[in-house]
C-alpha atoms as a PDB file:
ATOM      1  CA  MET A   1       0.012   0.192   0.031  1.00  0.00           C
ATOM      2  CA  ASN A   2       1.420   3.410  -0.697  1.00  0.00           C
ATOM      3  CA  ASP A   3      -0.031   6.333   1.412  1.00  0.00           C
ATOM      4  CA  SER A   4       2.353   8.792  -0.123  1.00  0.00           C
ATOM      5  CA  PRO A   5       3.849  10.052   3.076  1.00  0.00           C
ATOM      6  CA  SER A   6       4.773  13.600   2.720  1.00  0.00           C
ATOM      7  CA  GLY A   7       5.390  15.066   6.416  1.00  0.00           C
ATOM      8  CA  LEU A   8       6.889  14.183   9.306  1.00  0.00           C
ATOM      9  CA  SER A   9       6.762  15.551  13.027  1.00  0.00           C
ATOM     10  CA  LEU A  10       6.415  14.848  16.419  1.00  0.00           C
ATOM     11  CA  SER A  11       3.429  14.346  18.513  1.00  0.00           C
ATOM     12  CA  LEU A  12       2.843  15.958  22.221  1.00  0.00           C
ATOM     13  CA  ARG A  13       4.035  12.728  23.552  1.00  0.00           C
ATOM     14  CA  HIS A  14       6.833  12.423  21.188  1.00  0.00           C
ATOM     15  CA  ASN A  15       5.472   9.993  18.667  1.00  0.00           C
ATOM     16  CA  VAL A  16       5.995  10.394  15.096  1.00  0.00           C
ATOM     17  CA  LEU A  17       3.271  11.821  13.210  1.00  0.00           C
ATOM     18  CA  VAL A  18       3.296  10.863   9.270  1.00  0.00           C
ATOM     19  CA  THR A  19       1.278  12.790   7.193  1.00  0.00           C
ATOM     20  CA  CYS A  20      -0.110  10.835   4.096  1.00  0.00           C
ATOM     21  CA  ARG A  21      -1.039  12.974   1.066  1.00  0.00           C
ATOM     22  CA  ARG A  22      -3.240  10.011  -1.098  1.00  0.00           C
ATOM     23  CA  VAL A  23      -5.285   8.407   1.675  1.00  0.00           C
ATOM     24  CA  ARG A  24      -5.700  12.004   3.737  1.00  0.00           C
ATOM     25  CA  LYS A  25      -4.281  10.603   6.760  1.00  0.00           C
ATOM     26  CA  ILE A  26      -2.423  11.665   9.863  1.00  0.00           C
ATOM     27  CA  LYS A  27      -0.660   8.401  10.941  1.00  0.00           C
ATOM     28  CA  GLU A  28       0.771   8.154  14.625  1.00  0.00           C
ATOM     29  CA  PHE A  29       3.535   5.674  15.346  1.00  0.00           C
ATOM     30  CA  SER A  30       5.288   5.006  18.342  1.00  0.00           C
ATOM     31  CA  THR A  31       8.974   5.466  18.589  1.00  0.00           C
ATOM     32  CA  ASP A  32       9.564   1.591  17.991  1.00  0.00           C
ATOM     33  CA  GLY A  33       7.185   1.583  14.825  1.00  0.00           C
ATOM     34  CA  HIS A  34       3.861   0.568  15.956  1.00  0.00           C
ATOM     35  CA  LEU A  35       1.200   2.400  14.133  1.00  0.00           C
ATOM     36  CA  LEU A  36      -0.895   3.963  17.266  1.00  0.00           C
ATOM     37  CA  ARG A  37      -3.721   5.950  15.520  1.00  0.00           C
ATOM     38  CA  GLU A  38      -4.622   7.277  12.244  1.00  0.00           C
ATOM     39  CA  VAL A  39      -6.585  10.554  11.794  1.00  0.00           C
ATOM     40  CA  VAL A  40      -8.545  10.622   8.657  1.00  0.00           C
ATOM     41  CA  LEU A  41      -9.191  14.146   7.432  1.00  0.00           C
ATOM     42  CA  PRO A  42     -12.118  15.253   5.437  1.00  0.00           C
ATOM     43  CA  ASP A  43     -12.472  15.260   1.680  1.00  0.00           C
ATOM     44  CA  ASP A  44     -11.987  18.817   1.360  1.00  0.00           C
ATOM     45  CA  VAL A  45      -8.444  18.394   2.852  1.00  0.00           C
ATOM     46  CA  VAL A  46      -6.930  17.496  -0.523  1.00  0.00           C
ATOM     47  CA  SER A  47      -3.545  16.304  -0.470  1.00  0.00           C
ATOM     48  CA  PRO A  48      -1.972  17.689   2.905  1.00  0.00           C
ATOM     49  CA  TRP A  49       1.901  18.046   2.865  1.00  0.00           C
ATOM     50  CA  GLN A  50       2.253  18.192   6.623  1.00  0.00           C
ATOM     51  CA  ALA A  51       0.789  18.303   9.890  1.00  0.00           C
ATOM     52  CA  VAL A  52       1.683  19.355  13.737  1.00  0.00           C
ATOM     53  CA  GLN A  53       0.330  18.860  16.806  1.00  0.00           C
ATOM     54  CA  LEU A  54      -0.800  21.952  18.950  1.00  0.00           C
ATOM     55  CA  SER A  55      -0.734  21.710  22.692  1.00  0.00           C
ATOM     56  CA  SER A  56      -4.421  21.646  22.884  1.00  0.00           C
ATOM     57  CA  GLY A  57      -4.311  18.322  21.369  1.00  0.00           C
ATOM     58  CA  GLU A  58      -5.568  19.689  17.712  1.00  0.00           C
ATOM     59  CA  PHE A  59      -3.644  19.411  14.579  1.00  0.00           C
ATOM     60  CA  VAL A  60      -2.570  22.211  12.028  1.00  0.00           C
ATOM     61  CA  VAL A  61      -2.439  20.786   8.422  1.00  0.00           C
ATOM     62  CA  CYS A  62      -1.092  22.516   5.366  1.00  0.00           C
ATOM     63  CA  GLN A  63      -2.627  21.663   1.842  1.00  0.00           C
ATOM     64  CA  GLY A  64      -1.351  23.545  -1.569  1.00  0.00           C
ATOM     65  CA  ASP A  65      -2.829  21.723  -4.272  1.00  0.00           C
ATOM     66  CA  LEU A  66      -6.437  23.067  -5.126  1.00  0.00           C
ATOM     67  CA  LEU A  67      -6.657  25.193  -1.851  1.00  0.00           C
ATOM     68  CA  HIS A  68      -3.614  26.728  -0.768  1.00  0.00           C
ATOM     69  CA  ARG A  69      -4.493  26.946   3.081  1.00  0.00           C
ATOM     70  CA  VAL A  70      -3.631  25.843   6.607  1.00  0.00           C
ATOM     71  CA  CYS A  71      -6.560  23.988   8.435  1.00  0.00           C
ATOM     72  CA  LEU A  72      -6.941  23.678  12.546  1.00  0.00           C
ATOM     73  CA  VAL A  73      -8.178  20.002  12.694  1.00  0.00           C
ATOM     74  CA  SER A  74      -9.941  18.561  15.590  1.00  0.00           C
ATOM     75  CA  SER A  75      -8.283  15.214  17.168  1.00  0.00           C
ATOM     76  CA  ASP A  76     -11.146  13.453  15.420  1.00  0.00           C
ATOM     77  CA  GLY A  77      -9.910  14.943  12.151  1.00  0.00           C
ATOM     78  CA  GLN A  78     -12.833  17.501  11.508  1.00  0.00           C
ATOM     79  CA  VAL A  79     -11.684  20.965  10.233  1.00  0.00           C
ATOM     80  CA  VAL A  80     -12.345  23.708  13.104  1.00  0.00           C
ATOM     81  CA  LYS A  81     -11.080  26.550  10.914  1.00  0.00           C
ATOM     82  CA  SER A  82      -8.804  27.338   7.819  1.00  0.00           C
ATOM     83  CA  PHE A  83      -6.435  30.186   7.015  1.00  0.00           C
ATOM     84  CA  GLY A  84      -5.895  30.843   3.281  1.00  0.00           C
ATOM     85  CA  GLY A  85      -7.826  29.697   0.040  1.00  0.00           C
ATOM     86  CA  PRO A  86      -7.374  29.783  -3.699  1.00  0.00           C
ATOM     87  CA  GLU A  87      -3.649  30.306  -5.006  1.00  0.00           C
ATOM     88  CA  GLY A  88      -2.370  33.916  -4.318  1.00  0.00           C
ATOM     89  CA  SER A  89       0.679  35.902  -3.273  1.00  0.00           C
ATOM     90  CA  SER A  90      -0.645  38.289  -0.360  1.00  0.00           C
ATOM     91  CA  SER A  91      -0.635  37.461   3.528  1.00  0.00           C
ATOM     92  CA  ARG A  92      -4.471  36.223   2.901  1.00  0.00           C
ATOM     93  CA  ALA A  93      -3.936  33.986  -0.171  1.00  0.00           C
ATOM     94  CA  MET A  94      -1.252  31.533   0.165  1.00  0.00           C
ATOM     95  CA  ASN A  95       0.883  29.885  -2.760  1.00  0.00           C
ATOM     96  CA  VAL A  96       1.720  26.176  -1.767  1.00  0.00           C
ATOM     97  CA  PRO A  97       1.892  25.950   1.800  1.00  0.00           C
ATOM     98  CA  CYS A  98       4.150  22.899   2.435  1.00  0.00           C
ATOM     99  CA  ARG A  99       5.891  22.652   5.560  1.00  0.00           C
ATOM    100  CA  LEU A 100       4.723  23.712   9.216  1.00  0.00           C
ATOM    101  CA  ALA A 101       6.665  24.146  12.773  1.00  0.00           C
ATOM    102  CA  VAL A 102       5.034  25.265  15.792  1.00  0.00           C
ATOM    103  CA  ASN A 103       6.748  26.634  18.837  1.00  0.00           C
ATOM    104  CA  GLU A 104       6.073  26.347  22.838  1.00  0.00           C
ATOM    105  CA  HIS A 105       3.401  28.854  22.788  1.00  0.00           C
ATOM    106  CA  SER A 106       1.600  27.102  19.894  1.00  0.00           C
ATOM    107  CA  PHE A 107       2.398  29.706  17.194  1.00  0.00           C
ATOM    108  CA  ILE A 108       2.676  28.443  13.690  1.00  0.00           C
ATOM    109  CA  PHE A 109       5.399  28.839  11.195  1.00  0.00           C
ATOM    110  CA  VAL A 110       4.134  28.229   7.395  1.00  0.00           C
ATOM    111  CA  VAL A 111       6.843  27.941   4.618  1.00  0.00           C
ATOM    112  CA  GLU A 112       5.150  28.995   1.302  1.00  0.00           C
ATOM    113  CA  LEU A 113       6.902  27.206  -1.499  1.00  0.00           C
ATOM    114  CA  LYS A 114       6.013  29.497  -4.383  1.00  0.00           C
ATOM    115  CA  ASN A 115       5.837  32.839  -2.404  1.00  0.00           C
ATOM    116  CA  HIS A 116       9.365  32.223  -0.853  1.00  0.00           C
ATOM    117  CA  CYS A 117       8.035  33.351   2.574  1.00  0.00           C
ATOM    118  CA  VAL A 118       7.329  32.209   5.776  1.00  0.00           C
ATOM    119  CA  LEU A 119       4.233  33.116   7.653  1.00  0.00           C
ATOM    120  CA  LEU A 120       3.613  33.276  11.481  1.00  0.00           C
ATOM    121  CA  LEU A 121      -0.057  32.608  12.648  1.00  0.00           C
ATOM    122  CA  SER A 122      -1.540  32.461  15.953  1.00  0.00           C
ATOM    123  CA  PRO A 123      -2.732  29.390  17.528  1.00  0.00           C
ATOM    124  CA  SER A 124      -6.169  30.225  16.208  1.00  0.00           C
ATOM    125  CA  LEU A 125      -4.819  30.724  12.547  1.00  0.00           C
ATOM    126  CA  THR A 126      -4.869  34.581  12.662  1.00  0.00           C
ATOM    127  CA  PHE A 127      -2.225  36.318  10.484  1.00  0.00           C
ATOM    128  CA  VAL A 128       0.846  37.595  12.850  1.00  0.00           C
ATOM    129  CA  ARG A 129       3.585  38.719  10.327  1.00  0.00           C
ATOM    130  CA  ILE A 130       5.415  37.409   7.305  1.00  0.00           C
ATOM    131  CA  LYS A 131       9.285  36.881   6.397  1.00  0.00           C
ATOM    132  CA  ASN A 132       9.652  36.991   2.736  1.00  0.00           C
ATOM    133  CA  PHE A 133      12.698  35.541   1.271  1.00  0.00           C
ATOM    134  CA  ALA A 134      12.596  36.070  -2.295  1.00  0.00           C
ATOM    135  CA  GLU A 135      14.971  39.081  -2.182  1.00  0.00           C
ATOM    136  CA  GLU A 136      17.458  36.970  -0.354  1.00  0.00           C
ATOM    137  CA  ILE A 137      17.050  34.118  -3.013  1.00  0.00           C
ATOM    138  CA  LEU A 138      17.961  36.404  -6.072  1.00  0.00           C
END
């Protein structure tokens, strides 16, 4: 079975979270490789790139194919809130959000592939700031 794993992070309990694009799942594995649980994402979360877990136990998932957004997802897989939408190049319209990181205060860092930037979002997915790397790349 090829679930197309695309993202890797650690859970609150330091288990391994694997984001699987093709089957729209977050799989949690123990450190010795045993599958502990699967969180099935809704149909509108198409081709998720990566998921991270917040201190609340909720997940943040980024997707960047049909919709370019970051979703706050409950522990049972339901989208609670999202930030972003159709492809774009402003702080409100992302362009391939593909990687995530979270700090100890549950602020979310989002790498945008095509905009060459990192967004900072609050734990409730409110825009905080943006760091553009396009000038530094050229």
